[in-house]
Amino acid sequence: MASTLFSQSMLSLPSSPSSNKSTSLPFNPSFVSAPSRKIRLTSVFSSTSTVDSPPSVDTPIELKYPAFPTVMDINQIREILPHRFPFLLVDRVIEYNPGVSAVGIKNVTINDNFFPGHFPERPIMPGVLMVEAMAQVGGLVMLQPEVGGSRDKFFFAGVDKVRFRKPVIAGDTLVMRMNLVKLQKRFGIAKMEGKAYVGGEVVCEGEFLMAMGSD
């Protein structure tokens, strides 16, 4: 009897691997788990393929940071400001709204004439020269026909609430923003607010008074 059942089960198997007929084999868990194992292996291989991909090449640091724009170069600055070496402290203007605001930069280098004395062992830009440089940026705002300023009759009249937040040293780029807050043409007085930055951090700030009058 056993041999008869065995022969019947063998006869129910497909005659060749290419046969499309369904079989009547009893339930076997191994036939169900095999496809799921295949899927798991496929997902592992696909994830490792992304990990093993070659890393992207980093951009060299000298190509990462673009230069400041030039709205006004040193020759144009010299046409407006009366200052000359060693007291011209604005190298470039990178943003300019005549009679409203300006942003200028001062490249601080070890060749600046104040460093041998301030200080020989620790070169720090004097705070009063930072204030002067900011006032010169303010002068670029005010010495325009729109405002009525004249380089022969324009003076730095005073400062208030000046604070020095961090030292400025050789190698820094001082970025200075000056905004016109109030203009009294009748009295020839202009009030401005200014902030100076190095690397995006405030190093100096204060309020400035400019006077337009006869000497």
Protein backbone atom coordinates (compact mmCIF):
# COMPACT_ATOMS: atom_id res chain seq x y z
CA MET A 1 0.00 0.00 0.00
CA ALA A 2 2.86 2.36 0.93
CA SER A 3 4.57 1.68 -2.35
CA THR A 4 1.36 2.48 -4.22
CA LEU A 5 1.00 5.93 -2.49
CA PHE A 6 4.65 6.74 -3.16
CA SER A 7 4.30 5.94 -6.85
CA GLN A 8 1.14 8.08 -7.10
CA SER A 9 2.89 11.08 -5.54
CA MET A 10 5.80 10.70 -7.92
CA LEU A 11 3.41 10.59 -10.85
CA SER A 12 1.86 13.93 -9.78
CA LEU A 13 5.23 15.77 -10.19
CA PRO A 14 5.86 17.65 -13.48
CA SER A 15 7.64 15.58 -16.09
CA SER A 16 10.20 18.36 -16.92
CA PRO A 17 11.33 21.75 -15.45
CA SER A 18 9.82 23.54 -18.42
CA SER A 19 6.31 22.24 -17.74
CA ASN A 20 3.73 24.94 -16.84
CA LYS A 21 1.28 22.53 -15.16
CA SER A 22 0.57 23.09 -11.46
CA THR A 23 1.57 20.42 -8.98
CA SER A 24 -0.34 18.97 -6.07
CA LEU A 25 2.57 18.81 -3.63
CA PRO A 26 1.70 19.12 0.05
CA PHE A 27 2.39 22.45 1.85
CA ASN A 28 6.06 22.99 2.62
CA PRO A 29 7.24 26.20 4.47
CA SER A 30 10.56 26.26 2.64
CA PHE A 31 8.83 27.16 -0.66
CA VAL A 32 7.27 30.28 0.97
CA SER A 33 10.31 31.58 2.81
CA ALA A 34 12.68 31.28 -0.12
CA PRO A 35 11.31 34.25 -2.16
CA SER A 36 11.32 36.54 0.91
CA ARG A 37 14.96 35.64 1.53
CA LYS A 38 15.73 36.65 -2.05
CA ILE A 39 14.10 40.07 -1.54
CA ARG A 40 16.10 40.72 1.61
CA LEU A 41 19.36 39.88 -0.13
CA THR A 42 18.48 42.15 -3.03
CA SER A 43 17.82 45.10 -0.67
CA VAL A 44 21.14 44.54 1.11
CA PHE A 45 23.06 44.50 -2.15
CA SER A 46 21.32 47.62 -3.45
CA SER A 47 22.10 49.55 -0.27
CA THR A 48 25.75 48.54 -0.28
CA SER A 49 26.09 49.63 -3.90
CA THR A 50 25.31 53.25 -2.88
CA VAL A 51 27.76 53.11 0.02
CA ASP A 52 30.55 51.79 -2.17
CA SER A 53 30.11 54.55 -4.77
CA PRO A 54 33.17 56.83 -5.09
CA PRO A 55 32.99 59.98 -2.88
CA SER A 56 32.39 63.32 -4.54
CA VAL A 57 35.46 65.50 -5.03
CA ASP A 58 35.47 68.53 -2.69
CA THR A 59 35.91 71.96 -4.21
CA PRO A 60 39.31 73.43 -3.28
CA ILE A 61 38.99 76.08 -0.59
CA GLU A 62 40.44 78.78 -2.88
CA LEU A 63 37.48 78.26 -5.24
CA LYS A 64 34.72 78.12 -2.61
CA TYR A 65 34.47 81.80 -1.68
CA PRO A 66 33.82 84.43 -4.36
CA ALA A 67 35.45 87.84 -4.14
CA PHE A 68 33.55 90.87 -2.89
CA PRO A 69 31.79 92.75 -5.70
CA THR A 70 33.20 96.09 -6.77
CA VAL A 71 30.64 98.86 -6.90
CA MET A 72 33.27 101.56 -6.42
CA ASP A 73 37.03 100.97 -6.75
CA ILE A 74 39.84 102.88 -5.07
CA ASN A 75 40.14 105.42 -7.88
CA GLN A 76 36.45 106.28 -7.64
CA ILE A 77 36.75 106.52 -3.85
CA ARG A 78 39.65 108.98 -4.22
CA GLU A 79 37.48 111.16 -6.44
CA ILE A 80 34.96 111.54 -3.61
CA LEU A 81 37.01 111.49 -0.40
CA PRO A 82 39.79 114.04 0.21
CA HIS A 83 41.84 111.58 2.31
CA ARG A 84 45.18 110.26 1.09
CA PHE A 85 47.89 107.90 2.37
CA PRO A 86 48.31 107.04 5.17
CA PHE A 87 44.80 108.05 6.17
CA LEU A 88 42.61 106.72 3.38
CA LEU A 89 41.08 103.69 5.11
CA VAL A 90 38.52 102.44 2.56
CA ASP A 91 39.76 100.14 -0.21
CA ARG A 92 36.51 99.26 -1.97
CA VAL A 93 32.77 99.88 -1.87
CA ILE A 94 30.66 96.74 -2.30
CA GLU A 95 27.19 98.26 -1.88
CA TYR A 96 26.09 101.83 -2.47
CA ASN A 97 22.86 103.80 -2.19
CA PRO A 98 23.71 107.51 -2.54
CA GLY A 99 22.33 109.51 0.34
CA VAL A 100 21.07 106.36 2.08
CA SER A 101 23.76 103.77 2.87
CA ALA A 102 27.06 102.24 1.82
CA VAL A 103 29.14 99.18 2.61
CA GLY A 104 32.91 99.49 2.29
CA ILE A 105 35.85 97.23 3.06
CA LYS A 106 39.30 97.82 4.49
CA ASN A 107 41.90 95.10 3.91
CA VAL A 108 43.96 95.07 7.09
CA THR A 109 47.55 94.02 6.32
CA ILE A 110 50.76 93.87 8.30
CA ASN A 111 52.10 96.60 5.99
CA ASP A 112 49.70 99.18 7.45
CA ASN A 113 51.80 101.96 8.95
CA PHE A 114 50.21 101.80 12.42
CA PHE A 115 51.21 98.20 13.18
CA PRO A 116 54.90 98.84 14.05
CA GLY A 117 53.71 100.84 17.06
CA HIS A 118 50.35 99.16 17.81
CA PHE A 119 51.69 96.70 18.87
CA PRO A 120 55.09 95.36 17.77
CA GLU A 121 54.47 91.91 19.27
CA ARG A 122 50.70 91.81 18.70
CA PRO A 123 49.45 93.76 15.66
CA ILE A 124 45.97 95.11 16.47
CA MET A 125 44.18 97.81 14.48
CA PRO A 126 43.59 100.84 16.73
CA GLY A 127 39.93 101.36 17.63
CA VAL A 128 40.06 105.04 16.71
CA LEU A 129 41.13 104.07 13.18
CA MET A 130 38.21 101.66 12.89
CA VAL A 131 35.93 104.55 13.81
CA GLU A 132 37.70 106.77 11.28
CA ALA A 133 37.34 104.14 8.54
CA MET A 134 33.61 103.87 9.26
CA ALA A 135 33.27 107.65 9.17
CA GLN A 136 34.92 107.65 5.73
CA VAL A 137 32.31 105.17 4.50
CA GLY A 138 29.72 107.58 5.91
CA GLY A 139 31.40 110.35 3.95
CA LEU A 140 30.88 108.38 0.75
CA VAL A 141 27.15 108.33 1.54
CA MET A 142 26.94 112.04 2.28
CA LEU A 143 29.31 113.59 -0.26
CA GLN A 144 26.82 113.30 -3.09
CA PRO A 145 24.70 115.82 -5.00
CA GLU A 146 21.58 114.01 -3.79
CA VAL A 147 22.45 115.00 -0.23
CA GLY A 148 24.13 118.30 -0.95
CA GLY A 149 27.47 117.44 0.64
CA SER A 150 30.76 118.99 -0.42
CA ARG A 151 34.21 117.52 0.24
CA ASP A 152 35.46 121.01 1.09
CA LYS A 153 32.75 121.61 3.68
CA PHE A 154 32.16 118.26 5.28
CA PHE A 155 33.43 117.24 8.73
CA PHE A 156 33.28 114.38 11.18
CA ALA A 157 31.49 116.02 14.11
CA GLY A 158 31.13 113.35 16.78
CA VAL A 159 30.50 109.78 17.89
CA ASP A 160 28.24 108.22 20.47
CA LYS A 161 27.59 104.74 21.90
CA VAL A 162 30.74 103.33 20.33
CA ARG A 163 31.57 99.77 21.34
CA PHE A 164 34.50 97.59 20.35
CA ARG A 165 33.48 93.93 20.40
CA LYS A 166 36.56 92.11 19.12
CA PRO A 167 40.13 93.02 18.14
CA VAL A 168 40.91 93.43 14.45
CA ILE A 169 44.29 92.02 13.48
CA ALA A 170 46.53 91.88 10.42
CA GLY A 171 44.98 89.63 7.77
CA ASP A 172 41.38 90.55 8.59
CA THR A 173 38.95 92.14 6.14
CA LEU A 174 36.96 94.88 7.85
CA VAL A 175 33.47 95.20 6.33
CA MET A 176 31.73 98.46 7.31
CA ARG A 177 28.08 99.39 6.84
CA MET A 178 26.91 102.98 7.35
CA ASN A 179 23.25 104.01 7.23
CA LEU A 180 21.86 107.55 7.21
CA VAL A 181 19.34 107.85 10.04
CA LYS A 182 18.49 111.55 10.06
CA LEU A 183 19.44 114.53 7.93
CA GLN A 184 18.82 118.13 8.97
CA LYS A 185 19.78 120.15 5.92
CA ARG A 186 18.80 123.40 7.63
CA PHE A 187 21.52 122.91 10.26
CA GLY A 188 23.85 120.87 8.09
CA ILE A 189 23.81 117.88 10.48
CA ALA A 190 23.54 114.23 9.55
CA LYS A 191 23.15 111.36 12.00
CA MET A 192 24.36 107.92 10.93
CA GLU A 193 24.55 104.43 12.40
CA GLY A 194 27.43 102.13 11.63
CA LYS A 195 28.60 98.59 12.21
CA ALA A 196 31.87 96.94 11.27
CA TYR A 197 32.26 93.20 10.78
CA VAL A 198 35.00 90.61 10.44
CA GLY A 199 33.89 87.21 9.23
CA GLY A 200 30.24 88.11 9.78
CA GLU A 201 30.76 89.07 13.45
CA VAL A 202 30.38 92.62 14.75
CA VAL A 203 33.70 94.08 15.89
CA CYS A 204 32.68 97.72 16.24
CA GLU A 205 29.45 99.74 16.26
CA GLY A 206 28.28 103.24 17.08
CA GLU A 207 26.42 106.40 16.10
CA PHE A 208 28.07 109.14 14.06
CA LEU A 209 27.44 112.85 13.54
CA MET A 210 28.51 114.53 10.29
CA ALA A 211 28.54 118.30 9.82
CA MET A 212 28.15 120.13 6.52
CA GLY A 213 29.19 123.73 6.81
CA SER A 214 31.92 126.31 6.24
CA ASP A 215 35.32 125.99 7.86
